Amino acid sequence: MSDYQAFRVELADKIAHVQINRPDKVNAMNADFWREIIEIFRWIDATDAVRVVVLSGAGKHFSSGIDLMMLASVGARLGKDVGRNAEALRRVILDLQASFNAVDNCRKPVLAAIQGYCLGGAIDLISACDMRYATLDAQFSIKEIDMGMAADVGTLQRLPRIIGDGMMRELAYTGRSIDGVEARRIGLVNRTFDDQDALLAGVMQIAAEIAAKSPVAVRGTKEMIRYMRDHRVDDGLEYIATWNAAMLQSEDLRLAMTAHMSKQKAEFAD
């Protein structure tokens, strides 16, 4: 693992803890953030010792979203020609989308632990995660509408599949803030915790449970769930049949069945 400017990354007990580490800037997403998150998740994908990822934010808040200084610098580079400006802005947006696509496409489950602010671009980020957990007093808001723009890095594409179309529209059109209690009620987060310490401990426990399972089985399960977002049921059934024709030959299956019958814990290879 390399040293990062916007993140702290630790690997312990098969769990990679990826922490946004700009607490003095409310963990705003600067240029380093967008570049480094791709590098980090490329490393996670390639490292067999990583079974699960926990994504959190240092300090009082998860993230206030995209760094406004970064947005201003993009605007300062625009010229007078509308066509060239549009081409340049499109490239910037696609590059930002690639950062969160790296999270979504990760072969390992990604669990978000959210406290304090989770605003704007941070909603895009957690929408790309597998599961989300929060403190009771966490604050969620699709803030882009208040900045005179439509969210463009994944919220409007991924969130309807998490909380439903109608609720996503309400939050996107109004920009209103919801707390952890409402986030849990609408299905944005799986579970809430009283405070930040309890949140991180609880999410780490869930991550440890996943890390103890067969990595081949977890990988296959995530791939099938992700595949079904964009395909019909019969497509998904055909895909899992082909996938498992290979994966059911894994040693993990024998180990899991033996452990289940003997009521012992299985130890799976990376």
Protein backbone atom coordinates (compact mmCIF):
# COMPACT_ATOMS: atom_id res chain seq x y z
CA MET A 1 0.00 0.00 0.00
CA SER A 2 1.19 3.49 -0.87
CA ASP A 3 0.87 6.69 1.09
CA TYR A 4 -2.20 8.67 0.08
CA GLN A 5 -3.04 12.35 0.45
CA ALA A 6 -6.81 12.01 0.79
CA PHE A 7 -7.10 8.55 2.36
CA ARG A 8 -5.78 6.29 5.08
CA VAL A 9 -5.78 2.60 4.10
CA GLU A 10 -5.23 -0.29 6.51
CA LEU A 11 -5.49 -4.05 6.04
CA ALA A 12 -6.16 -6.29 9.03
CA ASP A 13 -7.89 -9.67 9.36
CA LYS A 14 -8.78 -9.72 5.65
CA ILE A 15 -10.64 -6.37 5.94
CA ALA A 16 -9.37 -3.28 4.12
CA HIS A 17 -10.38 -0.14 6.01
CA VAL A 18 -10.44 2.75 3.53
CA GLN A 19 -10.89 6.03 5.37
CA ILE A 20 -11.37 9.44 3.77
CA ASN A 21 -8.76 11.42 5.67
CA ARG A 22 -9.39 15.14 5.28
CA PRO A 23 -11.25 15.86 8.52
CA ASP A 24 -10.12 19.51 8.61
CA LYS A 25 -11.90 19.96 5.25
CA VAL A 26 -15.00 17.96 6.26
CA ASN A 27 -13.58 15.18 4.07
CA ALA A 28 -14.39 17.17 0.92
CA MET A 29 -13.49 15.33 -2.27
CA ASN A 30 -10.52 17.13 -3.83
CA ALA A 31 -8.45 16.18 -6.88
CA ASP A 32 -6.34 13.75 -4.81
CA PHE A 33 -9.51 11.98 -3.65
CA TRP A 34 -10.82 11.32 -7.16
CA ARG A 35 -7.48 10.03 -8.40
CA GLU A 36 -6.52 7.97 -5.36
CA ILE A 37 -9.81 6.13 -4.94
CA ILE A 38 -9.26 4.47 -8.32
CA GLU A 39 -5.73 3.44 -7.29
CA ILE A 40 -6.97 2.09 -3.95
CA PHE A 41 -9.77 -0.01 -5.40
CA ARG A 42 -7.50 -1.31 -8.14
CA TRP A 43 -5.19 -2.53 -5.35
CA ILE A 44 -8.13 -4.02 -3.44
CA ASP A 45 -9.35 -5.87 -6.51
CA ALA A 46 -5.91 -7.33 -7.17
CA THR A 47 -5.09 -8.28 -3.57
CA ASP A 48 -6.41 -11.70 -2.60
CA ALA A 49 -5.74 -11.02 1.08
CA VAL A 50 -8.56 -8.46 1.00
CA ARG A 51 -11.95 -10.11 1.41
CA VAL A 52 -14.11 -7.11 2.42
CA VAL A 53 -13.83 -3.30 2.38
CA VAL A 54 -15.06 -0.87 5.03
CA LEU A 55 -15.31 2.72 3.78
CA SER A 56 -15.48 5.49 6.39
CA GLY A 57 -14.63 9.13 6.99
CA ALA A 58 -12.19 10.47 9.59
CA GLY A 59 -13.45 12.96 12.16
CA LYS A 60 -17.02 14.09 12.79
CA HIS A 61 -18.30 13.72 9.24
CA PHE A 62 -18.27 11.11 6.49
CA SER A 63 -17.95 13.67 3.67
CA SER A 64 -19.38 17.02 2.60
CA GLY A 65 -19.10 16.01 -1.06
CA ILE A 66 -17.03 17.47 -3.88
CA ASP A 67 -14.50 20.14 -2.94
CA LEU A 68 -15.88 23.48 -4.15
CA MET A 69 -12.35 24.74 -4.84
CA MET A 70 -11.96 21.89 -7.29
CA LEU A 71 -15.21 22.85 -9.02
CA ALA A 72 -14.05 26.45 -9.23
CA SER A 73 -10.76 25.39 -10.81
CA VAL A 74 -12.66 23.46 -13.49
CA GLY A 75 -14.76 26.51 -14.26
CA ALA A 76 -11.70 28.72 -14.49
CA ARG A 77 -10.32 26.59 -17.32
CA LEU A 78 -13.33 27.14 -19.58
CA GLY A 79 -13.07 29.46 -22.57
CA LYS A 80 -15.57 31.21 -24.83
CA ASP A 81 -16.38 28.38 -27.24
CA VAL A 82 -19.46 26.46 -26.06
CA GLY A 83 -18.62 23.31 -28.02
CA ARG A 84 -15.09 23.06 -26.62
CA ASN A 85 -16.32 23.85 -23.11
CA ALA A 86 -18.91 21.08 -23.37
CA GLU A 87 -16.30 18.58 -24.57
CA ALA A 88 -13.96 19.50 -21.71
CA LEU A 89 -16.71 19.31 -19.07
CA ARG A 90 -17.90 15.96 -20.40
CA ARG A 91 -14.40 14.52 -20.02
CA VAL A 92 -14.22 15.80 -16.44
CA ILE A 93 -17.59 14.28 -15.56
CA LEU A 94 -16.70 10.91 -17.09
CA ASP A 95 -13.42 10.89 -15.16
CA LEU A 96 -15.29 11.54 -11.90
CA GLN A 97 -17.79 8.82 -12.73
CA ALA A 98 -14.90 6.39 -13.25
CA SER A 99 -13.81 6.96 -9.65
CA PHE A 100 -17.09 5.66 -8.24
CA ASN A 101 -17.41 3.01 -10.94
CA ALA A 102 -14.21 1.58 -9.42
CA VAL A 103 -16.09 1.16 -6.12
CA ASP A 104 -19.19 -0.32 -7.77
CA ASN A 105 -17.16 -2.71 -9.92
CA CYS A 106 -14.98 -3.93 -7.05
CA ARG A 107 -15.08 -7.73 -6.72
CA LYS A 108 -15.13 -7.47 -2.93
CA PRO A 109 -18.16 -6.28 -0.87
CA VAL A 110 -17.88 -2.61 0.16
CA LEU A 111 -19.57 -1.50 3.40
CA ALA A 112 -20.00 2.24 4.07
CA ALA A 113 -19.92 3.51 7.69
CA ILE A 114 -21.49 6.98 7.74
CA GLN A 115 -21.54 9.61 10.48
CA GLY A 116 -22.25 13.33 10.37
CA TYR A 117 -22.55 14.88 6.92
CA CYS A 118 -23.07 12.72 3.84
CA LEU A 119 -23.81 15.34 1.21
CA GLY A 120 -23.82 15.69 -2.57
CA GLY A 121 -20.98 13.64 -4.02
CA ALA A 122 -20.90 11.54 -0.85
CA ILE A 123 -24.37 10.23 -1.76
CA ASP A 124 -22.96 9.25 -5.16
CA LEU A 125 -20.18 7.38 -3.34
CA ILE A 126 -22.33 5.43 -0.90
CA SER A 127 -24.76 4.56 -3.70
CA ALA A 128 -21.87 2.64 -5.30
CA CYS A 129 -21.30 0.59 -2.12
CA ASP A 130 -22.89 -2.77 -1.36
CA MET A 131 -24.31 -1.82 2.02
CA ARG A 132 -24.61 1.34 4.10
CA TYR A 133 -24.70 1.85 7.87
CA ALA A 134 -25.06 5.10 9.79
CA THR A 135 -25.25 6.83 13.14
CA LEU A 136 -28.69 8.01 14.22
CA ASP A 137 -27.70 11.66 13.76
CA ALA A 138 -26.08 11.28 10.32
CA GLN A 139 -27.30 13.83 7.77
CA PHE A 140 -27.93 12.82 4.14
CA SER A 141 -28.74 15.24 1.33
CA ILE A 142 -28.62 15.28 -2.47
CA LYS A 143 -27.28 18.84 -2.43
CA GLU A 144 -26.64 19.28 -6.15
CA ILE A 145 -30.12 20.72 -6.72
CA ASP A 146 -29.24 23.60 -4.37
CA MET A 147 -26.15 24.28 -6.46
CA GLY A 148 -28.22 24.64 -9.63
CA MET A 149 -27.20 21.33 -11.17
CA ALA A 150 -28.27 17.69 -11.53
CA ALA A 151 -26.23 15.06 -9.69
CA ASP A 152 -23.99 13.49 -12.33
CA VAL A 153 -21.70 10.93 -10.67
CA GLY A 154 -24.12 8.06 -9.99
CA THR A 155 -26.80 9.07 -7.48
CA LEU A 156 -29.63 9.39 -10.01
CA GLN A 157 -28.63 6.12 -11.68
CA ARG A 158 -27.97 3.90 -8.63
CA LEU A 159 -30.14 5.29 -5.84
CA PRO A 160 -33.55 4.35 -7.35
CA ARG A 161 -32.53 0.70 -7.05
CA ILE A 162 -31.78 1.23 -3.37
CA ILE A 163 -34.63 3.41 -2.06
CA GLY A 164 -37.12 3.34 -4.93
CA ASP A 165 -37.90 5.84 -7.67
CA GLY A 166 -40.43 8.04 -5.87
CA MET A 167 -38.35 8.62 -2.75
CA MET A 168 -35.23 9.26 -4.83
CA ARG A 169 -37.13 11.89 -6.83
CA GLU A 170 -38.34 13.62 -3.66
CA LEU A 171 -34.84 13.86 -2.22
CA ALA A 172 -33.27 14.86 -5.55
CA TYR A 173 -35.85 17.53 -6.36
CA THR A 174 -35.99 19.10 -2.88
CA GLY A 175 -32.44 18.56 -1.62
CA ARG A 176 -33.91 18.11 1.84
CA SER A 177 -31.84 16.51 4.57
CA ILE A 178 -32.76 13.24 6.25
CA ASP A 179 -31.23 11.73 9.38
CA GLY A 180 -30.12 8.19 10.09
CA VAL A 181 -33.55 7.17 11.39
CA GLU A 182 -35.31 8.15 8.17
CA ALA A 183 -32.46 6.76 6.09
CA ARG A 184 -33.01 3.38 7.71
CA ARG A 185 -36.80 3.61 7.24
CA ILE A 186 -36.51 4.21 3.49
CA GLY A 187 -33.82 1.57 3.04
CA LEU A 188 -30.88 3.86 2.35
CA VAL A 189 -29.00 2.30 5.28
CA ASN A 190 -29.30 -1.24 6.61
CA ARG A 191 -28.82 -0.44 10.27
CA THR A 192 -28.22 2.53 12.57
CA PHE A 193 -25.95 2.91 15.61
CA ASP A 194 -25.99 5.29 18.55
CA ASP A 195 -22.60 6.87 17.91
CA GLN A 196 -19.49 6.72 15.73
CA ASP A 197 -17.62 4.22 17.89
CA ALA A 198 -20.55 1.81 17.92
CA LEU A 199 -20.99 2.33 14.17
CA LEU A 200 -17.44 1.39 13.26
CA ALA A 201 -17.39 -1.56 15.68
CA GLY A 202 -20.69 -2.84 14.30
CA VAL A 203 -19.69 -2.50 10.66
CA MET A 204 -16.34 -4.18 11.32
CA GLN A 205 -18.19 -7.10 12.92
CA ILE A 206 -20.40 -7.50 9.85
CA ALA A 207 -17.32 -7.26 7.62
CA ALA A 208 -15.61 -9.97 9.67
CA GLU A 209 -18.60 -12.28 9.20
CA ILE A 210 -18.37 -11.82 5.42
CA ALA A 211 -14.58 -12.22 5.44
CA ALA A 212 -14.96 -15.64 7.08
CA LYS A 213 -17.02 -16.96 4.16
CA SER A 214 -15.68 -18.55 0.99
CA PRO A 215 -14.21 -15.73 -1.14
CA VAL A 216 -15.23 -17.66 -4.25
CA ALA A 217 -18.84 -17.80 -3.05
CA VAL A 218 -18.87 -14.13 -2.03
CA ARG A 219 -17.38 -13.12 -5.37
CA GLY A 220 -19.99 -15.09 -7.28
CA THR A 221 -22.85 -13.74 -5.17
CA LYS A 222 -21.79 -10.12 -5.71
CA GLU A 223 -21.31 -10.64 -9.44
CA MET A 224 -24.78 -12.15 -9.84
CA ILE A 225 -26.48 -9.38 -7.85
CA ARG A 226 -24.67 -6.71 -9.86
CA TYR A 227 -25.44 -8.43 -13.16
CA MET A 228 -29.16 -8.53 -12.42
CA ARG A 229 -29.43 -4.73 -12.18
CA ASP A 230 -29.23 -4.50 -15.96
CA HIS A 231 -30.61 -7.84 -17.17
CA ARG A 232 -33.78 -9.93 -17.26
CA VAL A 233 -34.42 -12.81 -14.86
CA ASP A 234 -33.83 -15.43 -17.54
CA ASP A 235 -30.52 -13.77 -18.45
CA GLY A 236 -29.47 -13.94 -14.80
CA LEU A 237 -30.44 -17.60 -14.47
CA GLU A 238 -28.45 -18.46 -17.58
CA TYR A 239 -25.42 -16.55 -16.26
CA ILE A 240 -25.44 -18.18 -12.79
CA ALA A 241 -25.77 -21.63 -14.41
CA THR A 242 -22.64 -21.00 -16.48
CA TRP A 243 -20.80 -19.36 -13.57
CA ASN A 244 -21.53 -22.15 -11.10
CA ALA A 245 -20.68 -24.85 -13.63
CA ALA A 246 -17.11 -23.76 -12.89
CA MET A 247 -17.31 -22.43 -9.34
CA LEU A 248 -19.08 -25.46 -7.85
CA GLN A 249 -15.85 -27.34 -8.54
CA SER A 250 -14.02 -25.12 -6.03
CA GLU A 251 -12.43 -26.70 -2.96
CA ASP A 252 -14.39 -24.12 -0.95
CA LEU A 253 -17.62 -26.05 -1.52
CA ARG A 254 -16.21 -29.24 0.03
CA LEU A 255 -14.74 -27.29 2.95
CA ALA A 256 -18.00 -25.45 3.61
CA MET A 257 -20.12 -28.62 3.52
CA THR A 258 -17.70 -30.51 5.77
CA ALA A 259 -17.64 -27.64 8.26
CA HIS A 260 -21.44 -27.41 8.22
CA MET A 261 -21.91 -31.11 8.89
CA SER A 262 -19.27 -31.19 11.63
CA LYS A 263 -20.49 -27.89 13.13
CA GLN A 264 -17.00 -26.43 12.88
CA LYS A 265 -15.71 -23.23 11.31
CA ALA A 266 -14.19 -23.53 7.85
CA GLU A 267 -10.91 -21.83 6.94
CA PHE A 268 -10.85 -20.79 3.29
CA ALA A 269 -7.80 -19.93 1.19
CA ASP A 270 -7.54 -16.41 -0.20
